[in-house]
């Protein structure tokens, strides 16, 4: 099964100065890091210039394209544009490890009561042998979104100071329910559109299983762009207490 996606994230480089209002922690102090990160999340809906952090709630993403191969029960090309993610500032962090003096592998775990994705979409293909075709607005809502994020990093030297760069990352998530609505399916045929939306929601777990690898990879790169903001502008040692 082959999945291809393209995405870009609106990102503005801001001259960063570590804000006094953010609680600093000692290297490896997981509980302190959890508390500090949640404080930043709650305050960063409109961005956090002092940390070079872009607005995350809502988080705007230009596009995500997903193409499924013909051997998948979900044989569909799905293109999202002008994506808006709502809810990330309310993430409840419950694990943070790897933030040592010389970090290599970092892991974070967090949960969210509700993650909402709205976008313009275009879809064409088949789902469980049923044809699907349309374009317009869509909404995907994940209940009890529980995610883990594993990041591989390395240190780089710029202007005689050490920074951390994200080399790669991998996201994995679970949800207790995915609610979907795609408007204007089948050229606006109301009856067919309502029936297909009902079918999609009845079989949400089948659809999610097939699309999950591509969705997680796309989300991972989106979050990688977000976290790269603070890492790229603030020397690593300045993020922590000596």
C-alpha atoms as a PDB file:
ATOM      1  CA  UNK A   1       0.000   0.000   0.000  1.00  0.00           C
ATOM      2  CA  UNK A   2       1.537   3.259  -1.084  1.00  0.00           C
ATOM      3  CA  UNK A   3       0.699   6.568   0.498  1.00  0.00           C
ATOM      4  CA  UNK A   4       2.030   9.924  -0.663  1.00  0.00           C
ATOM      5  CA  UNK A   5       1.379  13.230   1.001  1.00  0.00           C
ATOM      6  CA  UNK A   6       2.587  16.782   0.580  1.00  0.00           C
ATOM      7  CA  UNK A   7       2.230  19.490   3.157  1.00  0.00           C
ATOM      8  CA  UNK A   8       3.491  22.912   4.040  1.00  0.00           C
ATOM      9  CA  UNK A   9       3.109  24.912   7.210  1.00  0.00           C
ATOM     10  CA  UNK A  10       2.923  28.674   7.458  1.00  0.00           C
ATOM     11  CA  UNK A  11       5.967  29.528   9.573  1.00  0.00           C
ATOM     12  CA  UNK A  12       7.325  32.938  10.420  1.00  0.00           C
ATOM     13  CA  UNK A  13      10.838  33.195  11.830  1.00  0.00           C
ATOM     14  CA  UNK A  14      10.828  35.414  14.878  1.00  0.00           C
ATOM     15  CA  UNK A  15      13.846  36.711  16.729  1.00  0.00           C
ATOM     16  CA  UNK A  16      13.641  34.773  19.963  1.00  0.00           C
ATOM     17  CA  UNK A  17      14.546  35.731  23.488  1.00  0.00           C
ATOM     18  CA  UNK A  18      13.727  33.253  26.213  1.00  0.00           C
ATOM     19  CA  UNK A  19      10.857  34.789  28.212  1.00  0.00           C
ATOM     20  CA  UNK A  20      11.162  35.216  31.956  1.00  0.00           C
ATOM     21  CA  UNK A  21       7.547  34.103  32.313  1.00  0.00           C
ATOM     22  CA  UNK A  22       8.362  30.520  31.255  1.00  0.00           C
ATOM     23  CA  UNK A  23       9.407  28.186  34.038  1.00  0.00           C
ATOM     24  CA  UNK A  24      12.856  26.684  33.481  1.00  0.00           C
ATOM     25  CA  UNK A  25      13.669  23.150  34.587  1.00  0.00           C
ATOM     26  CA  UNK A  26      16.774  21.110  35.250  1.00  0.00           C
ATOM     27  CA  UNK A  27      17.865  18.632  32.609  1.00  0.00           C
ATOM     28  CA  UNK A  28      15.838  15.432  32.840  1.00  0.00           C
ATOM     29  CA  UNK A  29      13.293  16.756  35.355  1.00  0.00           C
ATOM     30  CA  UNK A  30      10.255  15.186  33.679  1.00  0.00           C
ATOM     31  CA  UNK A  31       7.600  16.468  36.072  1.00  0.00           C
ATOM     32  CA  UNK A  32       8.852  20.039  35.881  1.00  0.00           C
ATOM     33  CA  UNK A  33       9.065  19.809  32.087  1.00  0.00           C
ATOM     34  CA  UNK A  34       5.483  18.526  31.881  1.00  0.00           C
ATOM     35  CA  UNK A  35       4.216  21.412  34.010  1.00  0.00           C
ATOM     36  CA  UNK A  36       6.230  24.011  32.106  1.00  0.00           C
ATOM     37  CA  UNK A  37       5.197  22.688  28.693  1.00  0.00           C
ATOM     38  CA  UNK A  38       1.518  22.756  29.660  1.00  0.00           C
ATOM     39  CA  UNK A  39       1.887  26.370  30.820  1.00  0.00           C
ATOM     40  CA  UNK A  40       3.378  27.243  27.420  1.00  0.00           C
ATOM     41  CA  UNK A  41       0.629  25.359  25.570  1.00  0.00           C
ATOM     42  CA  UNK A  42      -2.124  27.180  27.441  1.00  0.00           C
ATOM     43  CA  UNK A  43      -0.537  30.551  26.674  1.00  0.00           C
ATOM     44  CA  UNK A  44       0.459  29.919  23.074  1.00  0.00           C
ATOM     45  CA  UNK A  45      -2.829  29.864  21.221  1.00  0.00           C
ATOM     46  CA  UNK A  46      -1.866  33.078  19.421  1.00  0.00           C
ATOM     47  CA  UNK A  47       1.823  32.226  19.315  1.00  0.00           C
ATOM     48  CA  UNK A  48       4.663  32.764  21.752  1.00  0.00           C
ATOM     49  CA  UNK A  49       7.228  35.138  20.192  1.00  0.00           C
ATOM     50  CA  UNK A  50       9.588  34.754  23.131  1.00  0.00           C
ATOM     51  CA  UNK A  51       9.921  31.083  22.271  1.00  0.00           C
ATOM     52  CA  UNK A  52       9.702  31.548  18.491  1.00  0.00           C
ATOM     53  CA  UNK A  53       6.526  29.476  18.629  1.00  0.00           C
ATOM     54  CA  UNK A  54       3.891  30.003  15.943  1.00  0.00           C
ATOM     55  CA  UNK A  55       0.159  30.143  16.790  1.00  0.00           C
ATOM     56  CA  UNK A  56      -0.987  26.594  17.528  1.00  0.00           C
ATOM     57  CA  UNK A  57      -4.656  27.010  18.382  1.00  0.00           C
ATOM     58  CA  UNK A  58      -5.886  27.236  15.798  1.00  0.00           C
ATOM     59  CA  UNK A  59      -2.967  25.803  13.853  1.00  0.00           C
ATOM     60  CA  UNK A  60      -3.075  26.602  10.139  1.00  0.00           C
ATOM     61  CA  UNK A  61      -1.648  24.168   7.599  1.00  0.00           C
ATOM     62  CA  UNK A  62      -1.642  24.793   3.865  1.00  0.00           C
ATOM     63  CA  UNK A  63      -2.236  21.302   2.557  1.00  0.00           C
ATOM     64  CA  UNK A  64      -2.105  17.559   3.102  1.00  0.00           C
ATOM     65  CA  UNK A  65      -2.531  15.170   0.180  1.00  0.00           C
ATOM     66  CA  UNK A  66      -3.242  11.461   0.682  1.00  0.00           C
ATOM     67  CA  UNK A  67      -3.255   8.921  -2.117  1.00  0.00           C
ATOM     68  CA  UNK A  68      -4.185   5.291  -1.502  1.00  0.00           C
ATOM     69  CA  UNK A  69      -3.239   2.488  -3.875  1.00  0.00           C
ATOM     70  CA  UNK A  70      -5.743   0.257  -5.612  1.00  0.00           C
ATOM     71  CA  UNK A  71      -5.027  -2.733  -3.336  1.00  0.00           C
ATOM     72  CA  UNK A  72      -6.464  -0.878  -0.328  1.00  0.00           C
ATOM     73  CA  UNK A  73     -10.143  -1.220   0.693  1.00  0.00           C
ATOM     74  CA  UNK A  74      -9.958   2.563   0.975  1.00  0.00           C
ATOM     75  CA  UNK A  75      -8.852   3.349  -2.584  1.00  0.00           C
ATOM     76  CA  UNK A  76      -9.183   7.111  -2.501  1.00  0.00           C
ATOM     77  CA  UNK A  77      -7.328  10.275  -3.359  1.00  0.00           C
ATOM     78  CA  UNK A  78      -8.022  12.795  -0.619  1.00  0.00           C
ATOM     79  CA  UNK A  79      -6.715  16.345  -0.817  1.00  0.00           C
ATOM     80  CA  UNK A  80      -7.046  18.784   2.098  1.00  0.00           C
ATOM     81  CA  UNK A  81      -6.459  22.526   1.673  1.00  0.00           C
ATOM     82  CA  UNK A  82      -6.556  25.479   4.102  1.00  0.00           C
ATOM     83  CA  UNK A  83      -6.524  23.146   7.085  1.00  0.00           C
ATOM     84  CA  UNK A  84      -7.324  24.402  10.573  1.00  0.00           C
ATOM     85  CA  UNK A  85      -6.572  22.284  13.649  1.00  0.00           C
ATOM     86  CA  UNK A  86      -8.361  23.300  16.841  1.00  0.00           C
ATOM     87  CA  UNK A  87      -7.613  22.114  20.370  1.00  0.00           C
ATOM     88  CA  UNK A  88      -3.831  21.700  20.566  1.00  0.00           C
ATOM     89  CA  UNK A  89      -3.406  24.336  23.291  1.00  0.00           C
ATOM     90  CA  UNK A  90      -5.440  22.070  25.596  1.00  0.00           C
ATOM     91  CA  UNK A  91      -3.144  19.078  25.284  1.00  0.00           C
ATOM     92  CA  UNK A  92      -2.641  17.287  28.597  1.00  0.00           C
ATOM     93  CA  UNK A  93       0.988  16.194  28.673  1.00  0.00           C
ATOM     94  CA  UNK A  94       1.705  13.110  30.766  1.00  0.00           C
ATOM     95  CA  UNK A  95       5.177  12.023  29.656  1.00  0.00           C
ATOM     96  CA  UNK A  96       8.361  13.860  28.659  1.00  0.00           C
ATOM     97  CA  UNK A  97      11.689  12.063  28.540  1.00  0.00           C
ATOM     98  CA  UNK A  98      15.025  12.546  26.831  1.00  0.00           C
ATOM     99  CA  UNK A  99      15.637  16.213  27.601  1.00  0.00           C
ATOM    100  CA  UNK A 100      19.110  15.514  28.955  1.00  0.00           C
ATOM    101  CA  UNK A 101      22.232  17.641  28.658  1.00  0.00           C
ATOM    102  CA  UNK A 102      23.156  15.794  25.478  1.00  0.00           C
ATOM    103  CA  UNK A 103      19.820  14.750  24.022  1.00  0.00           C
ATOM    104  CA  UNK A 104      19.420  12.154  21.329  1.00  0.00           C
ATOM    105  CA  UNK A 105      16.006  10.555  21.644  1.00  0.00           C
ATOM    106  CA  UNK A 106      13.068  12.506  23.043  1.00  0.00           C
ATOM    107  CA  UNK A 107       9.615  11.115  23.754  1.00  0.00           C
ATOM    108  CA  UNK A 108       6.437  12.970  24.614  1.00  0.00           C
ATOM    109  CA  UNK A 109       2.951  11.666  25.344  1.00  0.00           C
ATOM    110  CA  UNK A 110      -0.209  13.743  25.568  1.00  0.00           C
ATOM    111  CA  UNK A 111      -3.958  13.409  25.327  1.00  0.00           C
ATOM    112  CA  UNK A 112      -6.720  15.697  24.195  1.00  0.00           C
ATOM    113  CA  UNK A 113     -10.461  15.436  24.790  1.00  0.00           C
ATOM    114  CA  UNK A 114     -11.232  16.597  21.269  1.00  0.00           C
ATOM    115  CA  UNK A 115      -9.097  17.427  18.228  1.00  0.00           C
ATOM    116  CA  UNK A 116     -10.997  19.100  15.395  1.00  0.00           C
ATOM    117  CA  UNK A 117      -9.776  19.374  11.813  1.00  0.00           C
ATOM    118  CA  UNK A 118     -11.661  21.548   9.334  1.00  0.00           C
ATOM    119  CA  UNK A 119     -10.574  22.068   5.745  1.00  0.00           C
ATOM    120  CA  UNK A 120     -11.514  22.353   2.122  1.00  0.00           C
ATOM    121  CA  UNK A 121     -11.352  18.904   0.594  1.00  0.00           C
ATOM    122  CA  UNK A 122     -11.436  17.110  -2.730  1.00  0.00           C
ATOM    123  CA  UNK A 123     -12.023  13.355  -2.803  1.00  0.00           C
ATOM    124  CA  UNK A 124     -12.334  10.750  -5.499  1.00  0.00           C
ATOM    125  CA  UNK A 125     -12.159   6.974  -5.307  1.00  0.00           C
ATOM    126  CA  UNK A 126     -13.834   4.047  -3.585  1.00  0.00           C
ATOM    127  CA  UNK A 127     -14.360   3.023   0.023  1.00  0.00           C
ATOM    128  CA  UNK A 128     -15.278  -0.642   0.535  1.00  0.00           C
ATOM    129  CA  UNK A 129     -16.363  -0.799  -3.134  1.00  0.00           C
ATOM    130  CA  UNK A 130     -18.634   2.228  -2.794  1.00  0.00           C
ATOM    131  CA  UNK A 131     -17.728   5.223  -4.991  1.00  0.00           C
ATOM    132  CA  UNK A 132     -17.003   8.553  -3.337  1.00  0.00           C
ATOM    133  CA  UNK A 133     -16.627  11.840  -5.142  1.00  0.00           C
ATOM    134  CA  UNK A 134     -16.895  15.463  -4.089  1.00  0.00           C
ATOM    135  CA  UNK A 135     -15.303  18.685  -2.994  1.00  0.00           C
ATOM    136  CA  UNK A 136     -16.177  21.348  -0.446  1.00  0.00           C
ATOM    137  CA  UNK A 137     -15.877  21.794   3.313  1.00  0.00           C
ATOM    138  CA  UNK A 138     -15.150  18.935   5.678  1.00  0.00           C
ATOM    139  CA  UNK A 139     -14.846  18.287   9.388  1.00  0.00           C
ATOM    140  CA  UNK A 140     -12.959  15.490  11.143  1.00  0.00           C
ATOM    141  CA  UNK A 141     -13.312  15.344  14.918  1.00  0.00           C
ATOM    142  CA  UNK A 142     -11.231  12.938  17.015  1.00  0.00           C
ATOM    143  CA  UNK A 143     -12.597  12.087  20.479  1.00  0.00           C
ATOM    144  CA  UNK A 144     -10.094  11.302  23.252  1.00  0.00           C
ATOM    145  CA  UNK A 145      -7.081  11.763  20.998  1.00  0.00           C
ATOM    146  CA  UNK A 146      -4.087  10.121  22.708  1.00  0.00           C
ATOM    147  CA  UNK A 147      -0.743  10.611  20.997  1.00  0.00           C
ATOM    148  CA  UNK A 148       2.883   9.740  21.451  1.00  0.00           C
ATOM    149  CA  UNK A 149       5.726  11.462  19.666  1.00  0.00           C
ATOM    150  CA  UNK A 150       9.251  10.097  19.335  1.00  0.00           C
ATOM    151  CA  UNK A 151      11.896  12.536  18.131  1.00  0.00           C
ATOM    152  CA  UNK A 152      15.526  12.021  17.160  1.00  0.00           C
ATOM    153  CA  UNK A 153      17.642  15.147  17.606  1.00  0.00           C
ATOM    154  CA  UNK A 154      21.257  16.242  17.366  1.00  0.00           C
ATOM    155  CA  UNK A 155      23.239  19.274  18.442  1.00  0.00           C
ATOM    156  CA  UNK A 156      24.543  21.820  15.956  1.00  0.00           C
ATOM    157  CA  UNK A 157      26.834  24.785  16.577  1.00  0.00           C
ATOM    158  CA  UNK A 158      25.927  28.251  15.306  1.00  0.00           C
ATOM    159  CA  UNK A 159      27.823  31.384  16.299  1.00  0.00           C
ATOM    160  CA  UNK A 160      29.683  29.409  18.978  1.00  0.00           C
ATOM    161  CA  UNK A 161      26.424  28.296  20.603  1.00  0.00           C
ATOM    162  CA  UNK A 162      24.834  24.863  20.594  1.00  0.00           C
ATOM    163  CA  UNK A 163      21.319  24.385  19.281  1.00  0.00           C
ATOM    164  CA  UNK A 164      19.208  21.276  18.884  1.00  0.00           C
ATOM    165  CA  UNK A 165      17.853  20.304  15.501  1.00  0.00           C
ATOM    166  CA  UNK A 166      15.133  17.739  14.858  1.00  0.00           C
ATOM    167  CA  UNK A 167      16.479  15.039  12.544  1.00  0.00           C
ATOM    168  CA  UNK A 168      13.289  13.005  12.322  1.00  0.00           C
ATOM    169  CA  UNK A 169      10.154  12.286  14.272  1.00  0.00           C
ATOM    170  CA  UNK A 170       7.400   9.714  14.418  1.00  0.00           C
ATOM    171  CA  UNK A 171       3.900  10.209  15.753  1.00  0.00           C
ATOM    172  CA  UNK A 172       1.417   7.548  16.777  1.00  0.00           C
ATOM    173  CA  UNK A 173      -2.101   8.120  18.063  1.00  0.00           C
ATOM    174  CA  UNK A 174      -5.333   6.467  19.103  1.00  0.00           C
ATOM    175  CA  UNK A 175      -8.857   7.808  19.306  1.00  0.00           C
ATOM    176  CA  UNK A 176     -12.075   6.384  20.729  1.00  0.00           C
ATOM    177  CA  UNK A 177     -14.138   7.832  17.880  1.00  0.00           C
ATOM    178  CA  UNK A 178     -13.730   9.695  14.629  1.00  0.00           C
ATOM    179  CA  UNK A 179     -16.658  11.831  13.487  1.00  0.00           C
ATOM    180  CA  UNK A 180     -16.655  12.920   9.841  1.00  0.00           C
ATOM    181  CA  UNK A 181     -18.681  15.185   7.646  1.00  0.00           C
ATOM    182  CA  UNK A 182     -17.982  15.933   3.981  1.00  0.00           C
ATOM    183  CA  UNK A 183     -20.292  18.436   2.336  1.00  0.00           C
ATOM    184  CA  UNK A 184     -21.192  18.479  -1.330  1.00  0.00           C
ATOM    185  CA  UNK A 185     -20.548  14.823  -2.074  1.00  0.00           C
ATOM    186  CA  UNK A 186     -21.806  13.587  -5.455  1.00  0.00           C
ATOM    187  CA  UNK A 187     -22.157  17.087  -6.889  1.00  0.00           C
ATOM    188  CA  UNK A 188     -24.445  18.195  -4.089  1.00  0.00           C
ATOM    189  CA  UNK A 189     -26.916  15.297  -4.296  1.00  0.00           C
ATOM    190  CA  UNK A 190     -28.348  15.634  -0.793  1.00  0.00           C
ATOM    191  CA  UNK A 191     -29.662  12.091  -0.450  1.00  0.00           C
ATOM    192  CA  UNK A 192     -26.484  10.401  -1.696  1.00  0.00           C
ATOM    193  CA  UNK A 193     -24.325  12.770   0.361  1.00  0.00           C
ATOM    194  CA  UNK A 194     -26.216  12.068   3.589  1.00  0.00           C
ATOM    195  CA  UNK A 195     -26.117   8.317   2.981  1.00  0.00           C
ATOM    196  CA  UNK A 196     -22.373   8.373   2.320  1.00  0.00           C
ATOM    197  CA  UNK A 197     -21.646  10.481   5.400  1.00  0.00           C
ATOM    198  CA  UNK A 198     -23.706   8.060   7.465  1.00  0.00           C
ATOM    199  CA  UNK A 199     -21.800   5.137   5.965  1.00  0.00           C
ATOM    200  CA  UNK A 200     -18.434   6.787   6.671  1.00  0.00           C
ATOM    201  CA  UNK A 201     -19.317   7.382  10.304  1.00  0.00           C
ATOM    202  CA  UNK A 202     -20.614   3.855  10.760  1.00  0.00           C
ATOM    203  CA  UNK A 203     -17.339   2.508   9.349  1.00  0.00           C
ATOM    204  CA  UNK A 204     -14.998   5.154  10.771  1.00  0.00           C
ATOM    205  CA  UNK A 205     -12.609   2.553  12.217  1.00  0.00           C
ATOM    206  CA  UNK A 206     -12.078   0.915   8.799  1.00  0.00           C
ATOM    207  CA  UNK A 207     -11.398   4.261   7.155  1.00  0.00           C
ATOM    208  CA  UNK A 208      -9.063   5.399   9.932  1.00  0.00           C
ATOM    209  CA  UNK A 209      -7.084   2.152   9.898  1.00  0.00           C
ATOM    210  CA  UNK A 210      -6.304   2.628   6.217  1.00  0.00           C
ATOM    211  CA  UNK A 211      -5.556   6.352   6.366  1.00  0.00           C
ATOM    212  CA  UNK A 212      -3.768   6.355   9.723  1.00  0.00           C
ATOM    213  CA  UNK A 213      -0.186   5.775   8.475  1.00  0.00           C
ATOM    214  CA  UNK A 214      -0.396   8.761   6.126  1.00  0.00           C
ATOM    215  CA  UNK A 215      -2.221  10.935   8.658  1.00  0.00           C
ATOM    216  CA  UNK A 216       0.292  10.216  11.421  1.00  0.00           C
ATOM    217  CA  UNK A 217       3.237  10.959   9.138  1.00  0.00           C
ATOM    218  CA  UNK A 218       1.656  14.236   8.052  1.00  0.00           C
ATOM    219  CA  UNK A 219       0.852  15.252  11.650  1.00  0.00           C
ATOM    220  CA  UNK A 220       4.366  14.306  12.733  1.00  0.00           C
ATOM    221  CA  UNK A 221       5.939  16.636  10.184  1.00  0.00           C
ATOM    222  CA  UNK A 222       3.519  19.416  11.092  1.00  0.00           C
ATOM    223  CA  UNK A 223       4.469  19.147  14.775  1.00  0.00           C
ATOM    224  CA  UNK A 224       8.142  18.844  13.834  1.00  0.00           C
ATOM    225  CA  UNK A 225       7.895  22.227  12.126  1.00  0.00           C
ATOM    226  CA  UNK A 226       6.249  23.671  15.237  1.00  0.00           C
ATOM    227  CA  UNK A 227       8.862  22.467  17.710  1.00  0.00           C
ATOM    228  CA  UNK A 228      11.726  23.400  15.377  1.00  0.00           C
ATOM    229  CA  UNK A 229      10.867  27.068  15.987  1.00  0.00           C
ATOM    230  CA  UNK A 230      12.109  27.244  19.593  1.00  0.00           C
ATOM    231  CA  UNK A 231      14.955  24.797  18.975  1.00  0.00           C
ATOM    232  CA  UNK A 232      16.297  26.771  16.014  1.00  0.00           C
ATOM    233  CA  UNK A 233      16.382  30.155  17.742  1.00  0.00           C
ATOM    234  CA  UNK A 234      17.237  29.462  21.387  1.00  0.00           C
ATOM    235  CA  UNK A 235      20.519  27.783  22.413  1.00  0.00           C
ATOM    236  CA  UNK A 236      19.713  24.458  24.041  1.00  0.00           C
ATOM    237  CA  UNK A 237      21.422  25.205  27.351  1.00  0.00           C
ATOM    238  CA  UNK A 238      19.360  28.414  27.709  1.00  0.00           C
ATOM    239  CA  UNK A 239      16.186  26.319  27.836  1.00  0.00           C
ATOM    240  CA  UNK A 240      17.288  24.789  31.154  1.00  0.00           C
ATOM    241  CA  UNK A 241      18.595  25.683  34.590  1.00  0.00           C
ATOM    242  CA  UNK A 242      22.305  25.150  35.004  1.00  0.00           C
END
